[in-house]
Amino acid sequence: MGIDLASPERDYTSVLDLSLMLDTARNEERANRAVVFAGRLEAIASFILKREMTGIEAAEALRIEANRIQSEAEA
């Protein structure tokens, strides 16, 4: 059974509950993406330090990682 938003008898509580659930899911997804991104930053920092890269080499490594992230977002 769904919610008929056009019905004058619609249940506003159900609509508000649904909105709250969607907001919660969005916030959880943002938090999850932040954790993943922080992990990637940590990994690239370790990569740069381990190889004792110059600034130019580090910038190129960051550019490669940015391209990889962009490619994943487009997939």
PDB file of N, CA and C in Angstrom:
ATOM      1  N   MET A   1       0.850  -1.173   0.000  1.00  0.00           N
ATOM      2  CA  MET A   1       0.000   0.000   0.000  1.00  0.00           C
ATOM      3  C   MET A   1       0.895   1.235   0.000  1.00  0.00           C
ATOM      4  N   GLY A   2       0.665   2.154  -0.921  1.00  0.00           N
ATOM      5  CA  GLY A   2       1.481   3.352  -1.033  1.00  0.00           C
ATOM      6  C   GLY A   2       0.770   4.569  -0.482  1.00  0.00           C
ATOM      7  N   ILE A   3       1.428   5.692  -0.592  1.00  0.00           N
ATOM      8  CA  ILE A   3       0.870   6.957  -0.125  1.00  0.00           C
ATOM      9  C   ILE A   3       0.382   7.719  -1.341  1.00  0.00           C
ATOM     10  N   ASP A   4      -0.887   8.098  -1.336  1.00  0.00           N
ATOM     11  CA  ASP A   4      -1.453   8.886  -2.424  1.00  0.00           C
ATOM     12  C   ASP A   4      -1.304  10.356  -2.053  1.00  0.00           C
ATOM     13  N   LEU A   5      -0.289  11.021  -2.617  1.00  0.00           N
ATOM     14  CA  LEU A   5      -0.025  12.409  -2.264  1.00  0.00           C
ATOM     15  C   LEU A   5      -1.115  13.355  -2.756  1.00  0.00           C
ATOM     16  N   ALA A   6      -1.933  12.930  -3.712  1.00  0.00           N
ATOM     17  CA  ALA A   6      -3.010  13.770  -4.223  1.00  0.00           C
ATOM     18  C   ALA A   6      -4.264  13.669  -3.366  1.00  0.00           C
ATOM     19  N   SER A   7      -4.326  12.672  -2.523  1.00  0.00           N
ATOM     20  CA  SER A   7      -5.510  12.450  -1.701  1.00  0.00           C
ATOM     21  C   SER A   7      -5.576  13.461  -0.560  1.00  0.00           C
ATOM     22  N   PRO A   8      -6.764  14.026  -0.317  1.00  0.00           N
ATOM     23  CA  PRO A   8      -6.895  14.961   0.811  1.00  0.00           C
ATOM     24  C   PRO A   8      -6.701  14.262   2.156  1.00  0.00           C
ATOM     25  N   GLU A   9      -6.855  12.955   2.179  1.00  0.00           N
ATOM     26  CA  GLU A   9      -6.689  12.207   3.425  1.00  0.00           C
ATOM     27  C   GLU A   9      -5.260  11.700   3.605  1.00  0.00           C
ATOM     28  N   ARG A  10      -4.332  12.204   2.803  1.00  0.00           N
ATOM     29  CA  ARG A  10      -2.961  11.675   2.888  1.00  0.00           C
ATOM     30  C   ARG A  10      -2.427  11.794   4.317  1.00  0.00           C
ATOM     31  N   ASP A  11      -1.561  10.902   4.637  1.00  0.00           N
ATOM     32  CA  ASP A  11      -1.016  10.834   5.982  1.00  0.00           C
ATOM     33  C   ASP A  11       0.275  11.657   6.033  1.00  0.00           C
ATOM     34  N   TYR A  12       0.184  12.859   6.604  1.00  0.00           N
ATOM     35  CA  TYR A  12       1.351  13.729   6.665  1.00  0.00           C
ATOM     36  C   TYR A  12       2.473  13.120   7.490  1.00  0.00           C
ATOM     37  N   THR A  13       2.120  12.347   8.497  1.00  0.00           N
ATOM     38  CA  THR A  13       3.136  11.693   9.316  1.00  0.00           C
ATOM     39  C   THR A  13       3.955  10.734   8.470  1.00  0.00           C
ATOM     40  N   SER A  14       3.295   9.977   7.604  1.00  0.00           N
ATOM     41  CA  SER A  14       4.013   9.047   6.734  1.00  0.00           C
ATOM     42  C   SER A  14       4.936   9.787   5.779  1.00  0.00           C
ATOM     43  N   VAL A  15       4.468  10.903   5.256  1.00  0.00           N
ATOM     44  CA  VAL A  15       5.293  11.698   4.347  1.00  0.00           C
ATOM     45  C   VAL A  15       6.500  12.245   5.096  1.00  0.00           C
ATOM     46  N   LEU A  16       6.290  12.739   6.305  1.00  0.00           N
ATOM     47  CA  LEU A  16       7.399  13.255   7.103  1.00  0.00           C
ATOM     48  C   LEU A  16       8.363  12.142   7.486  1.00  0.00           C
ATOM     49  N   ASP A  17       7.825  10.966   7.832  1.00  0.00           N
ATOM     50  CA  ASP A  17       8.681   9.818   8.150  1.00  0.00           C
ATOM     51  C   ASP A  17       9.531   9.433   6.947  1.00  0.00           C
ATOM     52  N   LEU A  18       8.926   9.408   5.776  1.00  0.00           N
ATOM     53  CA  LEU A  18       9.657   9.075   4.554  1.00  0.00           C
ATOM     54  C   LEU A  18      10.756  10.101   4.294  1.00  0.00           C
ATOM     55  N   SER A  19      10.433  11.369   4.475  1.00  0.00           N
ATOM     56  CA  SER A  19      11.419  12.431   4.280  1.00  0.00           C
ATOM     57  C   SER A  19      12.579  12.278   5.260  1.00  0.00           C
ATOM     58  N   LEU A  20      12.271  11.960   6.501  1.00  0.00           N
ATOM     59  CA  LEU A  20      13.309  11.754   7.511  1.00  0.00           C
ATOM     60  C   LEU A  20      14.182  10.558   7.158  1.00  0.00           C
ATOM     61  N   MET A  21      13.565   9.482   6.686  1.00  0.00           N
ATOM     62  CA  MET A  21      14.326   8.295   6.289  1.00  0.00           C
ATOM     63  C   MET A  21      15.260   8.613   5.122  1.00  0.00           C
ATOM     64  N   LEU A  22      14.766   9.378   4.152  1.00  0.00           N
ATOM     65  CA  LEU A  22      15.601   9.753   3.008  1.00  0.00           C
ATOM     66  C   LEU A  22      16.767  10.638   3.442  1.00  0.00           C
ATOM     67  N   ASP A  23      16.496  11.599   4.318  1.00  0.00           N
ATOM     68  CA  ASP A  23      17.566  12.460   4.828  1.00  0.00           C
ATOM     69  C   ASP A  23      18.612  11.653   5.579  1.00  0.00           C
ATOM     70  N   THR A  24      18.161  10.704   6.388  1.00  0.00           N
ATOM     71  CA  THR A  24      19.085   9.850   7.136  1.00  0.00           C
ATOM     72  C   THR A  24      19.944   9.028   6.186  1.00  0.00           C
ATOM     73  N   ALA A  25      19.325   8.458   5.167  1.00  0.00           N
ATOM     74  CA  ALA A  25      20.070   7.656   4.189  1.00  0.00           C
ATOM     75  C   ALA A  25      21.097   8.515   3.450  1.00  0.00           C
ATOM     76  N   ARG A  26      20.708   9.734   3.077  1.00  0.00           N
ATOM     77  CA  ARG A  26      21.647  10.633   2.394  1.00  0.00           C
ATOM     78  C   ARG A  26      22.830  10.981   3.291  1.00  0.00           C
ATOM     79  N   ASN A  27      22.542  11.287   4.548  1.00  0.00           N
ATOM     80  CA  ASN A  27      23.615  11.631   5.483  1.00  0.00           C
ATOM     81  C   ASN A  27      24.549  10.454   5.721  1.00  0.00           C
ATOM     82  N   GLU A  28      23.991   9.256   5.822  1.00  0.00           N
ATOM     83  CA  GLU A  28      24.828   8.064   5.997  1.00  0.00           C
ATOM     84  C   GLU A  28      25.704   7.839   4.771  1.00  0.00           C
ATOM     85  N   GLU A  29      25.154   8.047   3.589  1.00  0.00           N
ATOM     86  CA  GLU A  29      25.933   7.878   2.360  1.00  0.00           C
ATOM     87  C   GLU A  29      27.058   8.907   2.288  1.00  0.00           C
ATOM     88  N   ARG A  30      26.768  10.156   2.660  1.00  0.00           N
ATOM     89  CA  ARG A  30      27.818  11.184   2.683  1.00  0.00           C
ATOM     90  C   ARG A  30      28.934  10.798   3.649  1.00  0.00           C
ATOM     91  N   ALA A  31      28.556  10.312   4.820  1.00  0.00           N
ATOM     92  CA  ALA A  31      29.549   9.895   5.812  1.00  0.00           C
ATOM     93  C   ALA A  31      30.389   8.738   5.280  1.00  0.00           C
ATOM     94  N   ASN A  32      29.751   7.783   4.634  1.00  0.00           N
ATOM     95  CA  ASN A  32      30.486   6.650   4.058  1.00  0.00           C
ATOM     96  C   ASN A  32      31.461   7.111   2.979  1.00  0.00           C
ATOM     97  N   ARG A  33      31.016   8.025   2.125  1.00  0.00           N
ATOM     98  CA  ARG A  33      31.906   8.532   1.072  1.00  0.00           C
ATOM     99  C   ARG A  33      33.078   9.302   1.663  1.00  0.00           C
ATOM    100  N   ALA A  34      32.834  10.035   2.745  1.00  0.00           N
ATOM    101  CA  ALA A  34      33.917  10.772   3.400  1.00  0.00           C
ATOM    102  C   ALA A  34      34.965   9.819   3.959  1.00  0.00           C
ATOM    103  N   VAL A  35      34.524   8.713   4.547  1.00  0.00           N
ATOM    104  CA  VAL A  35      35.460   7.718   5.084  1.00  0.00           C
ATOM    105  C   VAL A  35      36.304   7.126   3.958  1.00  0.00           C
ATOM    106  N   VAL A  36      35.668   6.781   2.854  1.00  0.00           N
ATOM    107  CA  VAL A  36      36.390   6.211   1.711  1.00  0.00           C
ATOM    108  C   VAL A  36      37.393   7.227   1.163  1.00  0.00           C
ATOM    109  N   PHE A  37      36.964   8.466   1.020  1.00  0.00           N
ATOM    110  CA  PHE A  37      37.844   9.496   0.472  1.00  0.00           C
ATOM    111  C   PHE A  37      39.023   9.759   1.398  1.00  0.00           C
ATOM    112  N   ALA A  38      38.777   9.806   2.700  1.00  0.00           N
ATOM    113  CA  ALA A  38      39.863   9.998   3.667  1.00  0.00           C
ATOM    114  C   ALA A  38      40.871   8.856   3.567  1.00  0.00           C
ATOM    115  N   GLY A  39      40.386   7.647   3.381  1.00  0.00           N
ATOM    116  CA  GLY A  39      41.274   6.502   3.210  1.00  0.00           C
ATOM    117  C   GLY A  39      42.134   6.632   1.963  1.00  0.00           C
ATOM    118  N   ARG A  40      41.529   7.125   0.896  1.00  0.00           N
ATOM    119  CA  ARG A  40      42.290   7.320  -0.346  1.00  0.00           C
ATOM    120  C   ARG A  40      43.356   8.398  -0.166  1.00  0.00           C
ATOM    121  N   LEU A  41      43.007   9.473   0.530  1.00  0.00           N
ATOM    122  CA  LEU A  41      43.996  10.519   0.786  1.00  0.00           C
ATOM    123  C   LEU A  41      45.157   9.982   1.611  1.00  0.00           C
ATOM    124  N   GLU A  42      44.841   9.189   2.621  1.00  0.00           N
ATOM    125  CA  GLU A  42      45.882   8.587   3.457  1.00  0.00           C
ATOM    126  C   GLU A  42      46.774   7.670   2.625  1.00  0.00           C
ATOM    127  N   ALA A  43      46.177   6.882   1.748  1.00  0.00           N
ATOM    128  CA  ALA A  43      46.950   5.969   0.903  1.00  0.00           C
ATOM    129  C   ALA A  43      47.873   6.732  -0.043  1.00  0.00           C
ATOM    130  N   ILE A  44      47.368   7.801  -0.656  1.00  0.00           N
ATOM    131  CA  ILE A  44      48.208   8.556  -1.588  1.00  0.00           C
ATOM    132  C   ILE A  44      49.312   9.292  -0.832  1.00  0.00           C
ATOM    133  N   ALA A  45      49.019   9.778   0.376  1.00  0.00           N
ATOM    134  CA  ALA A  45      50.054  10.426   1.189  1.00  0.00           C
ATOM    135  C   ALA A  45      51.159   9.432   1.536  1.00  0.00           C
ATOM    136  N   SER A  46      50.781   8.230   1.921  1.00  0.00           N
ATOM    137  CA  SER A  46      51.769   7.191   2.235  1.00  0.00           C
ATOM    138  C   SER A  46      52.603   6.848   1.006  1.00  0.00           C
ATOM    139  N   PHE A  47      51.948   6.748  -0.141  1.00  0.00           N
ATOM    140  CA  PHE A  47      52.628   6.458  -1.407  1.00  0.00           C
ATOM    141  C   PHE A  47      53.679   7.528  -1.709  1.00  0.00           C
ATOM    142  N   ILE A  48      53.296   8.785  -1.545  1.00  0.00           N
ATOM    143  CA  ILE A  48      54.193   9.909  -1.823  1.00  0.00           C
ATOM    144  C   ILE A  48      55.382   9.900  -0.860  1.00  0.00           C
ATOM    145  N   LEU A  49      55.103   9.704   0.419  1.00  0.00           N
ATOM    146  CA  LEU A  49      56.174   9.708   1.417  1.00  0.00           C
ATOM    147  C   LEU A  49      57.115   8.521   1.264  1.00  0.00           C
ATOM    148  N   LYS A  50      56.562   7.349   1.011  1.00  0.00           N
ATOM    149  CA  LYS A  50      57.383   6.141   0.872  1.00  0.00           C
ATOM    150  C   LYS A  50      58.381   6.283  -0.269  1.00  0.00           C
ATOM    151  N   ARG A  51      57.955   6.918  -1.333  1.00  0.00           N
ATOM    152  CA  ARG A  51      58.819   7.082  -2.508  1.00  0.00           C
ATOM    153  C   ARG A  51      59.614   8.383  -2.469  1.00  0.00           C
ATOM    154  N   GLU A  52      59.433   9.158  -1.403  1.00  0.00           N
ATOM    155  CA  GLU A  52      60.128  10.440  -1.234  1.00  0.00           C
ATOM    156  C   GLU A  52      60.025  11.287  -2.505  1.00  0.00           C
ATOM    157  N   MET A  53      58.796  11.442  -2.970  1.00  0.00           N
ATOM    158  CA  MET A  53      58.548  12.158  -4.224  1.00  0.00           C
ATOM    159  C   MET A  53      58.816  13.651  -4.082  1.00  0.00           C
ATOM    160  N   THR A  54      59.201  14.248  -5.193  1.00  0.00           N
ATOM    161  CA  THR A  54      59.321  15.705  -5.259  1.00  0.00           C
ATOM    162  C   THR A  54      57.906  16.283  -5.316  1.00  0.00           C
ATOM    163  N   GLY A  55      57.816  17.591  -5.203  1.00  0.00           N
ATOM    164  CA  GLY A  55      56.512  18.241  -5.304  1.00  0.00           C
ATOM    165  C   GLY A  55      55.835  17.978  -6.635  1.00  0.00           C
ATOM    166  N   ILE A  56      56.613  18.013  -7.694  1.00  0.00           N
ATOM    167  CA  ILE A  56      56.063  17.772  -9.038  1.00  0.00           C
ATOM    168  C   ILE A  56      55.566  16.331  -9.154  1.00  0.00           C
ATOM    169  N   GLU A  57      56.348  15.379  -8.658  1.00  0.00           N
ATOM    170  CA  GLU A  57      55.937  13.974  -8.702  1.00  0.00           C
ATOM    171  C   GLU A  57      54.685  13.745  -7.858  1.00  0.00           C
ATOM    172  N   ALA A  58      54.635  14.397  -6.693  1.00  0.00           N
ATOM    173  CA  ALA A  58      53.466  14.259  -5.824  1.00  0.00           C
ATOM    174  C   ALA A  58      52.223  14.834  -6.498  1.00  0.00           C
ATOM    175  N   ALA A  59      52.391  15.982  -7.149  1.00  0.00           N
ATOM    176  CA  ALA A  59      51.261  16.592  -7.861  1.00  0.00           C
ATOM    177  C   ALA A  59      50.757  15.669  -8.961  1.00  0.00           C
ATOM    178  N   GLU A  60      51.668  15.036  -9.675  1.00  0.00           N
ATOM    179  CA  GLU A  60      51.264  14.107 -10.734  1.00  0.00           C
ATOM    180  C   GLU A  60      50.550  12.892 -10.144  1.00  0.00           C
ATOM    181  N   ALA A  61      51.036  12.381  -9.009  1.00  0.00           N
ATOM    182  CA  ALA A  61      50.371  11.252  -8.349  1.00  0.00           C
ATOM    183  C   ALA A  61      48.955  11.642  -7.922  1.00  0.00           C
ATOM    184  N   LEU A  62      48.799  12.860  -7.414  1.00  0.00           N
ATOM    185  CA  LEU A  62      47.467  13.346  -7.035  1.00  0.00           C
ATOM    186  C   LEU A  62      46.568  13.485  -8.260  1.00  0.00           C
ATOM    187  N   ARG A  63      47.124  13.960  -9.352  1.00  0.00           N
ATOM    188  CA  ARG A  63      46.351  14.108 -10.593  1.00  0.00           C
ATOM    189  C   ARG A  63      45.873  12.743 -11.093  1.00  0.00           C
ATOM    190  N   ILE A  64      46.736  11.742 -11.028  1.00  0.00           N
ATOM    191  CA  ILE A  64      46.354  10.390 -11.450  1.00  0.00           C
ATOM    192  C   ILE A  64      45.225   9.861 -10.572  1.00  0.00           C
ATOM    193  N   GLU A  65      45.345  10.068  -9.262  1.00  0.00           N
ATOM    194  CA  GLU A  65      44.294   9.610  -8.340  1.00  0.00           C
ATOM    195  C   GLU A  65      42.988  10.354  -8.600  1.00  0.00           C
ATOM    196  N   ALA A  66      43.068  11.655  -8.864  1.00  0.00           N
ATOM    197  CA  ALA A  66      41.863  12.436  -9.167  1.00  0.00           C
ATOM    198  C   ALA A  66      41.180  11.907 -10.420  1.00  0.00           C
ATOM    199  N   ASN A  67      41.964  11.576 -11.434  1.00  0.00           N
ATOM    200  CA  ASN A  67      41.392  11.008 -12.659  1.00  0.00           C
ATOM    201  C   ASN A  67      40.734   9.663 -12.386  1.00  0.00           C
ATOM    202  N   ARG A  68      41.350   8.850 -11.531  1.00  0.00           N
ATOM    203  CA  ARG A  68      40.764   7.553 -11.185  1.00  0.00           C
ATOM    204  C   ARG A  68      39.426   7.733 -10.460  1.00  0.00           C
ATOM    205  N   ILE A  69      39.386   8.668  -9.529  1.00  0.00           N
ATOM    206  CA  ILE A  69      38.140   8.939  -8.803  1.00  0.00           C
ATOM    207  C   ILE A  69      37.063   9.428  -9.771  1.00  0.00           C
ATOM    208  N   GLN A  70      37.438  10.323 -10.678  1.00  0.00           N
ATOM    209  CA  GLN A  70      36.480  10.845 -11.661  1.00  0.00           C
ATOM    210  C   GLN A  70      35.947   9.729 -12.544  1.00  0.00           C
ATOM    211  N   SER A  71      36.816   8.831 -12.968  1.00  0.00           N
ATOM    212  CA  SER A  71      36.392   7.706 -13.811  1.00  0.00           C
ATOM    213  C   SER A  71      35.408   6.807 -13.071  1.00  0.00           C
ATOM    214  N   GLU A  72      35.665   6.567 -11.797  1.00  0.00           N
ATOM    215  CA  GLU A  72      34.744   5.749 -10.997  1.00  0.00           C
ATOM    216  C   GLU A  72      33.391   6.430 -10.856  1.00  0.00           C
ATOM    217  N   ALA A  73      33.399   7.756 -10.711  1.00  0.00           N
ATOM    218  CA  ALA A  73      32.145   8.498 -10.560  1.00  0.00           C
ATOM    219  C   ALA A  73      31.313   8.441 -11.835  1.00  0.00           C
ATOM    220  N   GLU A  74      31.967   8.361 -12.973  1.00  0.00           N
ATOM    221  CA  GLU A  74      31.269   8.329 -14.256  1.00  0.00           C
ATOM    222  C   GLU A  74      30.779   6.940 -14.631  1.00  0.00           C
ATOM    223  N   ALA A  75      31.302   5.928 -13.963  1.00  0.00           N
ATOM    224  CA  ALA A  75      30.927   4.542 -14.302  1.00  0.00           C
ATOM    225  C   ALA A  75      29.556   4.185 -13.786  1.00  0.00           C
TER     226      ALA A  75
END
